[in-house]
Amino acid sequence: MSTTEEDFARDVLEAQGTVIVDFWAEWCPPCHALTPVLESLAGEHPEITIIKVNADDNIALASRYGALALPTMKVFSGGEVVKTIVGAKPKARLEAELAEYLTA
């Protein structure tokens, strides 16, 4: 699922549970490499929601959350950023970094 500046509050800040926002861009090869990893995590861990934000199309949003290098993932809980992960990671490493937010 993707979101924009207009829908960010509804899709992320007001969402229940843990939301991982993936700031990415079309021109970013590591961003494309991360996509199947995030899709796999979302499929195995229904307690998290993955939301993609195209940083080029939503510059103000990317700037507000300090997504200066891509990909940048922001983990939200209760509408607040609780963790930031920069760069593409293999699935096992990403799971380890997100372990406290994964229950399944």
PDB file of N, CA and C in Angstrom:
ATOM      1  N   MET A   1       0.852  -1.177   0.000  1.00  0.00           N
ATOM      2  CA  MET A   1       0.000   0.000   0.000  1.00  0.00           C
ATOM      3  C   MET A   1       0.894   1.235   0.000  1.00  0.00           C
ATOM      4  N   SER A   2       0.466   2.252  -0.696  1.00  0.00           N
ATOM      5  CA  SER A   2       1.215   3.504  -0.707  1.00  0.00           C
ATOM      6  C   SER A   2       0.315   4.625  -0.212  1.00  0.00           C
ATOM      7  N   THR A   3       0.951   5.720   0.194  1.00  0.00           N
ATOM      8  CA  THR A   3       0.201   6.864   0.676  1.00  0.00           C
ATOM      9  C   THR A   3       0.863   8.136   0.184  1.00  0.00           C
ATOM     10  N   THR A   4       0.165   9.239   0.379  1.00  0.00           N
ATOM     11  CA  THR A   4       0.653  10.558  -0.018  1.00  0.00           C
ATOM     12  C   THR A   4       0.503  11.507   1.160  1.00  0.00           C
ATOM     13  N   GLU A   5       0.983  12.705   0.963  1.00  0.00           N
ATOM     14  CA  GLU A   5       0.875  13.754   1.994  1.00  0.00           C
ATOM     15  C   GLU A   5      -0.573  13.901   2.468  1.00  0.00           C
ATOM     16  N   GLU A   6      -1.504  13.856   1.535  1.00  0.00           N
ATOM     17  CA  GLU A   6      -2.917  14.069   1.863  1.00  0.00           C
ATOM     18  C   GLU A   6      -3.487  12.972   2.763  1.00  0.00           C
ATOM     19  N   ASP A   7      -3.035  11.736   2.584  1.00  0.00           N
ATOM     20  CA  ASP A   7      -3.608  10.608   3.311  1.00  0.00           C
ATOM     21  C   ASP A   7      -2.716  10.073   4.435  1.00  0.00           C
ATOM     22  N   PHE A   8      -1.549  10.685   4.638  1.00  0.00           N
ATOM     23  CA  PHE A   8      -0.577  10.172   5.593  1.00  0.00           C
ATOM     24  C   PHE A   8      -1.141  10.083   7.011  1.00  0.00           C
ATOM     25  N   ALA A   9      -1.853  11.109   7.449  1.00  0.00           N
ATOM     26  CA  ALA A   9      -2.405  11.100   8.813  1.00  0.00           C
ATOM     27  C   ALA A   9      -3.341   9.911   8.999  1.00  0.00           C
ATOM     28  N   ARG A  10      -4.231   9.693   8.051  1.00  0.00           N
ATOM     29  CA  ARG A  10      -5.177   8.578   8.146  1.00  0.00           C
ATOM     30  C   ARG A  10      -4.471   7.222   8.042  1.00  0.00           C
ATOM     31  N   ASP A  11      -3.583   7.097   7.062  1.00  0.00           N
ATOM     32  CA  ASP A  11      -2.953   5.814   6.779  1.00  0.00           C
ATOM     33  C   ASP A  11      -1.875   5.418   7.784  1.00  0.00           C
ATOM     34  N   VAL A  12      -1.229   6.401   8.402  1.00  0.00           N
ATOM     35  CA  VAL A  12      -0.096   6.107   9.273  1.00  0.00           C
ATOM     36  C   VAL A  12      -0.321   6.592  10.703  1.00  0.00           C
ATOM     37  N   LEU A  13      -0.538   7.873  10.876  1.00  0.00           N
ATOM     38  CA  LEU A  13      -0.600   8.447  12.221  1.00  0.00           C
ATOM     39  C   LEU A  13      -1.800   7.964  13.022  1.00  0.00           C
ATOM     40  N   GLU A  14      -2.919   7.699  12.356  1.00  0.00           N
ATOM     41  CA  GLU A  14      -4.127   7.254  13.048  1.00  0.00           C
ATOM     42  C   GLU A  14      -4.309   5.735  12.994  1.00  0.00           C
ATOM     43  N   ALA A  15      -3.384   5.040  12.374  1.00  0.00           N
ATOM     44  CA  ALA A  15      -3.499   3.586  12.206  1.00  0.00           C
ATOM     45  C   ALA A  15      -3.273   2.859  13.523  1.00  0.00           C
ATOM     46  N   GLN A  16      -3.928   1.722  13.658  1.00  0.00           N
ATOM     47  CA  GLN A  16      -3.726   0.857  14.812  1.00  0.00           C
ATOM     48  C   GLN A  16      -2.520  -0.027  14.559  1.00  0.00           C
ATOM     49  N   GLY A  17      -1.798  -0.352  15.613  1.00  0.00           N
ATOM     50  CA  GLY A  17      -0.673  -1.270  15.485  1.00  0.00           C
ATOM     51  C   GLY A  17       0.570  -0.599  14.943  1.00  0.00           C
ATOM     52  N   THR A  18       1.502  -1.419  14.517  1.00  0.00           N
ATOM     53  CA  THR A  18       2.791  -0.948  14.022  1.00  0.00           C
ATOM     54  C   THR A  18       2.727  -0.736  12.516  1.00  0.00           C
ATOM     55  N   VAL A  19       3.179   0.436  12.093  1.00  0.00           N
ATOM     56  CA  VAL A  19       3.214   0.780  10.677  1.00  0.00           C
ATOM     57  C   VAL A  19       4.660   1.082  10.301  1.00  0.00           C
ATOM     58  N   ILE A  20       5.141   0.427   9.266  1.00  0.00           N
ATOM     59  CA  ILE A  20       6.474   0.703   8.749  1.00  0.00           C
ATOM     60  C   ILE A  20       6.302   1.505   7.465  1.00  0.00           C
ATOM     61  N   VAL A  21       6.826   2.731   7.481  1.00  0.00           N
ATOM     62  CA  VAL A  21       6.753   3.588   6.313  1.00  0.00           C
ATOM     63  C   VAL A  21       8.074   3.481   5.561  1.00  0.00           C
ATOM     64  N   ASP A  22       7.992   3.051   4.323  1.00  0.00           N
ATOM     65  CA  ASP A  22       9.155   2.882   3.455  1.00  0.00           C
ATOM     66  C   ASP A  22       9.232   4.076   2.516  1.00  0.00           C
ATOM     67  N   PHE A  23      10.174   4.989   2.782  1.00  0.00           N
ATOM     68  CA  PHE A  23      10.421   6.112   1.886  1.00  0.00           C
ATOM     69  C   PHE A  23      11.351   5.606   0.782  1.00  0.00           C
ATOM     70  N   TRP A  24      10.922   5.724  -0.456  1.00  0.00           N
ATOM     71  CA  TRP A  24      11.637   5.161  -1.589  1.00  0.00           C
ATOM     72  C   TRP A  24      11.546   6.102  -2.785  1.00  0.00           C
ATOM     73  N   ALA A  25      12.258   5.760  -3.865  1.00  0.00           N
ATOM     74  CA  ALA A  25      12.161   6.507  -5.122  1.00  0.00           C
ATOM     75  C   ALA A  25      12.347   5.527  -6.283  1.00  0.00           C
ATOM     76  N   GLU A  26      11.770   5.865  -7.400  1.00  0.00           N
ATOM     77  CA  GLU A  26      11.823   5.010  -8.588  1.00  0.00           C
ATOM     78  C   GLU A  26      13.265   4.784  -9.058  1.00  0.00           C
ATOM     79  N   TRP A  27      14.110   5.779  -8.936  1.00  0.00           N
ATOM     80  CA  TRP A  27      15.490   5.714  -9.434  1.00  0.00           C
ATOM     81  C   TRP A  27      16.447   4.980  -8.490  1.00  0.00           C
ATOM     82  N   CYS A  28      15.973   4.498  -7.353  1.00  0.00           N
ATOM     83  CA  CYS A  28      16.804   3.945  -6.279  1.00  0.00           C
ATOM     84  C   CYS A  28      16.863   2.414  -6.334  1.00  0.00           C
ATOM     85  N   PRO A  29      17.957   1.814  -6.857  1.00  0.00           N
ATOM     86  CA  PRO A  29      18.050   0.346  -6.906  1.00  0.00           C
ATOM     87  C   PRO A  29      17.907  -0.336  -5.542  1.00  0.00           C
ATOM     88  N   PRO A  30      18.520   0.172  -4.446  1.00  0.00           N
ATOM     89  CA  PRO A  30      18.320  -0.482  -3.152  1.00  0.00           C
ATOM     90  C   PRO A  30      16.850  -0.466  -2.704  1.00  0.00           C
ATOM     91  N   CYS A  31      16.132   0.569  -3.112  1.00  0.00           N
ATOM     92  CA  CYS A  31      14.701   0.642  -2.771  1.00  0.00           C
ATOM     93  C   CYS A  31      13.953  -0.514  -3.421  1.00  0.00           C
ATOM     94  N   HIS A  32      14.273  -0.778  -4.682  1.00  0.00           N
ATOM     95  CA  HIS A  32      13.617  -1.877  -5.401  1.00  0.00           C
ATOM     96  C   HIS A  32      14.012  -3.226  -4.803  1.00  0.00           C
ATOM     97  N   ALA A  33      15.254  -3.337  -4.354  1.00  0.00           N
ATOM     98  CA  ALA A  33      15.701  -4.590  -3.721  1.00  0.00           C
ATOM     99  C   ALA A  33      14.983  -4.826  -2.398  1.00  0.00           C
ATOM    100  N   LEU A  34      14.629  -3.754  -1.706  1.00  0.00           N
ATOM    101  CA  LEU A  34      13.963  -3.866  -0.405  1.00  0.00           C
ATOM    102  C   LEU A  34      12.492  -4.265  -0.529  1.00  0.00           C
ATOM    103  N   THR A  35      11.858  -3.923  -1.633  1.00  0.00           N
ATOM    104  CA  THR A  35      10.423  -4.165  -1.790  1.00  0.00           C
ATOM    105  C   THR A  35      10.023  -5.620  -1.547  1.00  0.00           C
ATOM    106  N   PRO A  36      10.647  -6.624  -2.170  1.00  0.00           N
ATOM    107  CA  PRO A  36      10.215  -7.998  -1.894  1.00  0.00           C
ATOM    108  C   PRO A  36      10.483  -8.433  -0.450  1.00  0.00           C
ATOM    109  N   VAL A  37      11.504  -7.874   0.178  1.00  0.00           N
ATOM    110  CA  VAL A  37      11.787  -8.187   1.581  1.00  0.00           C
ATOM    111  C   VAL A  37      10.646  -7.687   2.459  1.00  0.00           C
ATOM    112  N   LEU A  38      10.215  -6.453   2.221  1.00  0.00           N
ATOM    113  CA  LEU A  38       9.106  -5.893   3.002  1.00  0.00           C
ATOM    114  C   LEU A  38       7.805  -6.634   2.724  1.00  0.00           C
ATOM    115  N   GLU A  39       7.573  -7.009   1.464  1.00  0.00           N
ATOM    116  CA  GLU A  39       6.357  -7.757   1.126  1.00  0.00           C
ATOM    117  C   GLU A  39       6.347  -9.108   1.835  1.00  0.00           C
ATOM    118  N   SER A  40       7.485  -9.752   1.908  1.00  0.00           N
ATOM    119  CA  SER A  40       7.588 -11.032   2.603  1.00  0.00           C
ATOM    120  C   SER A  40       7.325 -10.865   4.094  1.00  0.00           C
ATOM    121  N   LEU A  41       7.912  -9.835   4.689  1.00  0.00           N
ATOM    122  CA  LEU A  41       7.676  -9.569   6.117  1.00  0.00           C
ATOM    123  C   LEU A  41       6.206  -9.303   6.390  1.00  0.00           C
ATOM    124  N   ALA A  42       5.578  -8.500   5.546  1.00  0.00           N
ATOM    125  CA  ALA A  42       4.165  -8.182   5.733  1.00  0.00           C
ATOM    126  C   ALA A  42       3.310  -9.443   5.628  1.00  0.00           C
ATOM    127  N   GLY A  43       3.664 -10.334   4.712  1.00  0.00           N
ATOM    128  CA  GLY A  43       2.915 -11.569   4.556  1.00  0.00           C
ATOM    129  C   GLY A  43       3.054 -12.507   5.743  1.00  0.00           C
ATOM    130  N   GLU A  44       4.210 -12.505   6.380  1.00  0.00           N
ATOM    131  CA  GLU A  44       4.468 -13.387   7.514  1.00  0.00           C
ATOM    132  C   GLU A  44       4.084 -12.772   8.861  1.00  0.00           C
ATOM    133  N   HIS A  45       3.931 -11.462   8.895  1.00  0.00           N
ATOM    134  CA  HIS A  45       3.650 -10.763  10.153  1.00  0.00           C
ATOM    135  C   HIS A  45       2.447  -9.833   9.976  1.00  0.00           C
ATOM    136  N   PRO A  46       1.242 -10.383  10.115  1.00  0.00           N
ATOM    137  CA  PRO A  46       0.041  -9.571   9.889  1.00  0.00           C
ATOM    138  C   PRO A  46      -0.133  -8.446  10.913  1.00  0.00           C
ATOM    139  N   GLU A  47       0.661  -8.456  11.976  1.00  0.00           N
ATOM    140  CA  GLU A  47       0.553  -7.407  12.987  1.00  0.00           C
ATOM    141  C   GLU A  47       1.209  -6.095  12.553  1.00  0.00           C
ATOM    142  N   ILE A  48       1.937  -6.118  11.426  1.00  0.00           N
ATOM    143  CA  ILE A  48       2.542  -4.887  10.921  1.00  0.00           C
ATOM    144  C   ILE A  48       1.893  -4.497   9.603  1.00  0.00           C
ATOM    145  N   THR A  49       1.924  -3.221   9.326  1.00  0.00           N
ATOM    146  CA  THR A  49       1.437  -2.688   8.058  1.00  0.00           C
ATOM    147  C   THR A  49       2.601  -1.981   7.388  1.00  0.00           C
ATOM    148  N   ILE A  50       2.798  -2.242   6.112  1.00  0.00           N
ATOM    149  CA  ILE A  50       3.846  -1.585   5.339  1.00  0.00           C
ATOM    150  C   ILE A  50       3.175  -0.544   4.443  1.00  0.00           C
ATOM    151  N   ILE A  51       3.645   0.687   4.552  1.00  0.00           N
ATOM    152  CA  ILE A  51       3.139   1.784   3.726  1.00  0.00           C
ATOM    153  C   ILE A  51       4.322   2.374   2.969  1.00  0.00           C
ATOM    154  N   LYS A  52       4.194   2.517   1.672  1.00  0.00           N
ATOM    155  CA  LYS A  52       5.263   3.091   0.858  1.00  0.00           C
ATOM    156  C   LYS A  52       4.957   4.561   0.567  1.00  0.00           C
ATOM    157  N   VAL A  53       6.019   5.389   0.641  1.00  0.00           N
ATOM    158  CA  VAL A  53       5.906   6.803   0.306  1.00  0.00           C
ATOM    159  C   VAL A  53       6.978   7.117  -0.735  1.00  0.00           C
ATOM    160  N   ASN A  54       6.545   7.532  -1.912  1.00  0.00           N
ATOM    161  CA  ASN A  54       7.488   7.939  -2.947  1.00  0.00           C
ATOM    162  C   ASN A  54       8.052   9.299  -2.536  1.00  0.00           C
ATOM    163  N   ALA A  55       9.335   9.311  -2.183  1.00  0.00           N
ATOM    164  CA  ALA A  55       9.964  10.531  -1.667  1.00  0.00           C
ATOM    165  C   ALA A  55      10.013  11.634  -2.717  1.00  0.00           C
ATOM    166  N   ASP A  56      10.128  11.288  -3.991  1.00  0.00           N
ATOM    167  CA  ASP A  56      10.149  12.306  -5.041  1.00  0.00           C
ATOM    168  C   ASP A  56       8.800  12.984  -5.201  1.00  0.00           C
ATOM    169  N   ASP A  57       7.728  12.232  -5.025  1.00  0.00           N
ATOM    170  CA  ASP A  57       6.379  12.783  -5.179  1.00  0.00           C
ATOM    171  C   ASP A  57       5.866  13.432  -3.900  1.00  0.00           C
ATOM    172  N   ASN A  58       6.523  13.169  -2.788  1.00  0.00           N
ATOM    173  CA  ASN A  58       6.086  13.683  -1.481  1.00  0.00           C
ATOM    174  C   ASN A  58       7.289  14.269  -0.730  1.00  0.00           C
ATOM    175  N   ILE A  59       7.917  15.262  -1.350  1.00  0.00           N
ATOM    176  CA  ILE A  59       9.153  15.833  -0.830  1.00  0.00           C
ATOM    177  C   ILE A  59       8.970  16.417   0.562  1.00  0.00           C
ATOM    178  N   ALA A  60       7.884  17.127   0.802  1.00  0.00           N
ATOM    179  CA  ALA A  60       7.662  17.736   2.116  1.00  0.00           C
ATOM    180  C   ALA A  60       7.535  16.662   3.196  1.00  0.00           C
ATOM    181  N   LEU A  61       6.868  15.577   2.881  1.00  0.00           N
ATOM    182  CA  LEU A  61       6.685  14.477   3.831  1.00  0.00           C
ATOM    183  C   LEU A  61       8.022  13.791   4.126  1.00  0.00           C
ATOM    184  N   ALA A  62       8.800  13.529   3.094  1.00  0.00           N
ATOM    185  CA  ALA A  62      10.118  12.915   3.279  1.00  0.00           C
ATOM    186  C   ALA A  62      11.017  13.829   4.104  1.00  0.00           C
ATOM    187  N   SER A  63      10.957  15.105   3.834  1.00  0.00           N
ATOM    188  CA  SER A  63      11.762  16.076   4.587  1.00  0.00           C
ATOM    189  C   SER A  63      11.329  16.146   6.042  1.00  0.00           C
ATOM    190  N   ARG A  64      10.029  16.166   6.290  1.00  0.00           N
ATOM    191  CA  ARG A  64       9.494  16.246   7.655  1.00  0.00           C
ATOM    192  C   ARG A  64       9.987  15.079   8.507  1.00  0.00           C
ATOM    193  N   TYR A  65      10.111  13.910   7.904  1.00  0.00           N
ATOM    194  CA  TYR A  65      10.532  12.733   8.653  1.00  0.00           C
ATOM    195  C   TYR A  65      12.011  12.393   8.446  1.00  0.00           C
ATOM    196  N   GLY A  66      12.765  13.295   7.857  1.00  0.00           N
ATOM    197  CA  GLY A  66      14.207  13.126   7.751  1.00  0.00           C
ATOM    198  C   GLY A  66      14.646  11.975   6.876  1.00  0.00           C
ATOM    199  N   ALA A  67      13.868  11.675   5.853  1.00  0.00           N
ATOM    200  CA  ALA A  67      14.233  10.607   4.921  1.00  0.00           C
ATOM    201  C   ALA A  67      15.176  11.200   3.874  1.00  0.00           C
ATOM    202  N   LEU A  68      16.422  11.446   4.291  1.00  0.00           N
ATOM    203  CA  LEU A  68      17.391  12.110   3.427  1.00  0.00           C
ATOM    204  C   LEU A  68      18.169  11.136   2.560  1.00  0.00           C
ATOM    205  N   ALA A  69      18.294   9.892   3.002  1.00  0.00           N
ATOM    206  CA  ALA A  69      18.911   8.824   2.221  1.00  0.00           C
ATOM    207  C   ALA A  69      17.832   7.775   1.966  1.00  0.00           C
ATOM    208  N   LEU A  70      17.881   7.179   0.797  1.00  0.00           N
ATOM    209  CA  LEU A  70      16.853   6.194   0.465  1.00  0.00           C
ATOM    210  C   LEU A  70      17.483   4.828   0.257  1.00  0.00           C
ATOM    211  N   PRO A  71      16.790   3.771   0.629  1.00  0.00           N
ATOM    212  CA  PRO A  71      15.511   3.781   1.342  1.00  0.00           C
ATOM    213  C   PRO A  71      15.696   4.109   2.832  1.00  0.00           C
ATOM    214  N   THR A  72      14.684   4.744   3.377  1.00  0.00           N
ATOM    215  CA  THR A  72      14.600   4.982   4.818  1.00  0.00           C
ATOM    216  C   THR A  72      13.268   4.429   5.276  1.00  0.00           C
ATOM    217  N   MET A  73      13.317   3.629   6.331  1.00  0.00           N
ATOM    218  CA  MET A  73      12.093   3.099   6.923  1.00  0.00           C
ATOM    219  C   MET A  73      11.888   3.732   8.288  1.00  0.00           C
ATOM    220  N   LYS A  74      10.693   4.221   8.514  1.00  0.00           N
ATOM    221  CA  LYS A  74      10.299   4.773   9.805  1.00  0.00           C
ATOM    222  C   LYS A  74       9.249   3.849  10.391  1.00  0.00           C
ATOM    223  N   VAL A  75       9.478   3.406  11.614  1.00  0.00           N
ATOM    224  CA  VAL A  75       8.532   2.538  12.300  1.00  0.00           C
ATOM    225  C   VAL A  75       7.673   3.424  13.198  1.00  0.00           C
ATOM    226  N   PHE A  76       6.356   3.370  12.980  1.00  0.00           N
ATOM    227  CA  PHE A  76       5.410   4.175  13.745  1.00  0.00           C
ATOM    228  C   PHE A  76       4.594   3.277  14.671  1.00  0.00           C
ATOM    229  N   SER A  77       4.365   3.759  15.864  1.00  0.00           N
ATOM    230  CA  SER A  77       3.468   3.108  16.814  1.00  0.00           C
ATOM    231  C   SER A  77       2.728   4.215  17.550  1.00  0.00           C
ATOM    232  N   GLY A  78       1.413   4.147  17.538  1.00  0.00           N
ATOM    233  CA  GLY A  78       0.626   5.194  18.184  1.00  0.00           C
ATOM    234  C   GLY A  78       0.849   6.558  17.564  1.00  0.00           C
ATOM    235  N   GLY A  79       1.141   6.597  16.278  1.00  0.00           N
ATOM    236  CA  GLY A  79       1.321   7.863  15.580  1.00  0.00           C
ATOM    237  C   GLY A  79       2.687   8.498  15.764  1.00  0.00           C
ATOM    238  N   GLU A  80       3.585   7.822  16.465  1.00  0.00           N
ATOM    239  CA  GLU A  80       4.918   8.364  16.728  1.00  0.00           C
ATOM    240  C   GLU A  80       5.992   7.484  16.103  1.00  0.00           C
ATOM    241  N   VAL A  81       7.072   8.102  15.651  1.00  0.00           N
ATOM    242  CA  VAL A  81       8.216   7.340  15.143  1.00  0.00           C
ATOM    243  C   VAL A  81       8.930   6.706  16.336  1.00  0.00           C
ATOM    244  N   VAL A  82       9.068   5.387  16.308  1.00  0.00           N
ATOM    245  CA  VAL A  82       9.741   4.671  17.393  1.00  0.00           C
ATOM    246  C   VAL A  82      11.069   4.060  16.943  1.00  0.00           C
ATOM    247  N   LYS A  83      11.316   4.057  15.624  1.00  0.00           N
ATOM    248  CA  LYS A  83      12.576   3.496  15.121  1.00  0.00           C
ATOM    249  C   LYS A  83      12.780   3.971  13.691  1.00  0.00           C
ATOM    250  N   THR A  84      14.053   4.168  13.343  1.00  0.00           N
ATOM    251  CA  THR A  84      14.429   4.517  11.975  1.00  0.00           C
ATOM    252  C   THR A  84      15.465   3.516  11.494  1.00  0.00           C
ATOM    253  N   ILE A  85      15.281   3.025  10.277  1.00  0.00           N
ATOM    254  CA  ILE A  85      16.222   2.104   9.655  1.00  0.00           C
ATOM    255  C   ILE A  85      16.561   2.684   8.284  1.00  0.00           C
ATOM    256  N   VAL A  86      17.856   2.874   8.031  1.00  0.00           N
ATOM    257  CA  VAL A  86      18.293   3.447   6.757  1.00  0.00           C
ATOM    258  C   VAL A  86      19.023   2.385   5.955  1.00  0.00           C
ATOM    259  N   GLY A  87      18.653   2.269   4.692  1.00  0.00           N
ATOM    260  CA  GLY A  87      19.317   1.337   3.788  1.00  0.00           C
ATOM    261  C   GLY A  87      18.580   0.025   3.652  1.00  0.00           C
ATOM    262  N   ALA A  88      18.817  -0.628   2.524  1.00  0.00           N
ATOM    263  CA  ALA A  88      18.228  -1.952   2.274  1.00  0.00           C
ATOM    264  C   ALA A  88      18.960  -2.975   3.127  1.00  0.00           C
ATOM    265  N   LYS A  89      18.224  -3.912   3.691  1.00  0.00           N
ATOM    266  CA  LYS A  89      18.779  -4.954   4.558  1.00  0.00           C
ATOM    267  C   LYS A  89      18.257  -6.312   4.093  1.00  0.00           C
ATOM    268  N   PRO A  90      19.043  -7.367   4.294  1.00  0.00           N
ATOM    269  CA  PRO A  90      18.514  -8.702   4.046  1.00  0.00           C
ATOM    270  C   PRO A  90      17.380  -8.987   5.035  1.00  0.00           C
ATOM    271  N   LYS A  91      16.514  -9.900   4.662  1.00  0.00           N
ATOM    272  CA  LYS A  91      15.336 -10.186   5.473  1.00  0.00           C
ATOM    273  C   LYS A  91      15.680 -10.540   6.921  1.00  0.00           C
ATOM    274  N   ALA A  92      16.651 -11.406   7.137  1.00  0.00           N
ATOM    275  CA  ALA A  92      16.998 -11.823   8.506  1.00  0.00           C
ATOM    276  C   ALA A  92      17.461 -10.641   9.344  1.00  0.00           C
ATOM    277  N   ARG A  93      18.244  -9.768   8.759  1.00  0.00           N
ATOM    278  CA  ARG A  93      18.723  -8.599   9.512  1.00  0.00           C
ATOM    279  C   ARG A  93      17.583  -7.631   9.803  1.00  0.00           C
ATOM    280  N   LEU A  94      16.704  -7.433   8.846  1.00  0.00           N
ATOM    281  CA  LEU A  94      15.567  -6.546   9.055  1.00  0.00           C
ATOM    282  C   LEU A  94      14.641  -7.111  10.126  1.00  0.00           C
ATOM    283  N   GLU A  95      14.407  -8.417  10.098  1.00  0.00           N
ATOM    284  CA  GLU A  95      13.596  -9.050  11.143  1.00  0.00           C
ATOM    285  C   GLU A  95      14.227  -8.860  12.519  1.00  0.00           C
ATOM    286  N   ALA A  96      15.537  -8.967  12.592  1.00  0.00           N
ATOM    287  CA  ALA A  96      16.226  -8.775  13.874  1.00  0.00           C
ATOM    288  C   ALA A  96      16.056  -7.342  14.361  1.00  0.00           C
ATOM    289  N   GLU A  97      16.159  -6.378  13.451  1.00  0.00           N
ATOM    290  CA  GLU A  97      16.012  -4.981  13.841  1.00  0.00           C
ATOM    291  C   GLU A  97      14.572  -4.642  14.235  1.00  0.00           C
ATOM    292  N   LEU A  98      13.622  -5.391  13.704  1.00  0.00           N
ATOM    293  CA  LEU A  98      12.205  -5.141  13.987  1.00  0.00           C
ATOM    294  C   LEU A  98      11.625  -6.110  15.013  1.00  0.00           C
ATOM    295  N   ALA A  99      12.457  -6.964  15.595  1.00  0.00           N
ATOM    296  CA  ALA A  99      11.989  -8.053  16.467  1.00  0.00           C
ATOM    297  C   ALA A  99      11.015  -7.588  17.544  1.00  0.00           C
ATOM    298  N   GLU A 100      11.261  -6.456  18.162  1.00  0.00           N
ATOM    299  CA  GLU A 100      10.385  -6.018  19.245  1.00  0.00           C
ATOM    300  C   GLU A 100       8.989  -5.620  18.763  1.00  0.00           C
ATOM    301  N   TYR A 101       8.820  -5.434  17.447  1.00  0.00           N
ATOM    302  CA  TYR A 101       7.522  -5.051  16.892  1.00  0.00           C
ATOM    303  C   TYR A 101       6.819  -6.214  16.201  1.00  0.00           C
ATOM    304  N   LEU A 102       7.486  -7.354  16.105  1.00  0.00           N
ATOM    305  CA  LEU A 102       6.929  -8.537  15.446  1.00  0.00           C
ATOM    306  C   LEU A 102       6.478  -9.534  16.497  1.00  0.00           C
ATOM    307  N   THR A 103       5.212  -9.953  16.412  1.00  0.00           N
ATOM    308  CA  THR A 103       4.696 -10.891  17.415  1.00  0.00           C
ATOM    309  C   THR A 103       4.483 -12.286  16.867  1.00  0.00           C
ATOM    310  N   ALA A 104       4.327 -12.377  15.551  1.00  0.00           N
ATOM    311  CA  ALA A 104       4.032 -13.702  14.957  1.00  0.00           C
ATOM    312  C   ALA A 104       5.316 -14.424  14.612  1.00  0.00           C
TER     313      ALA A 104
END
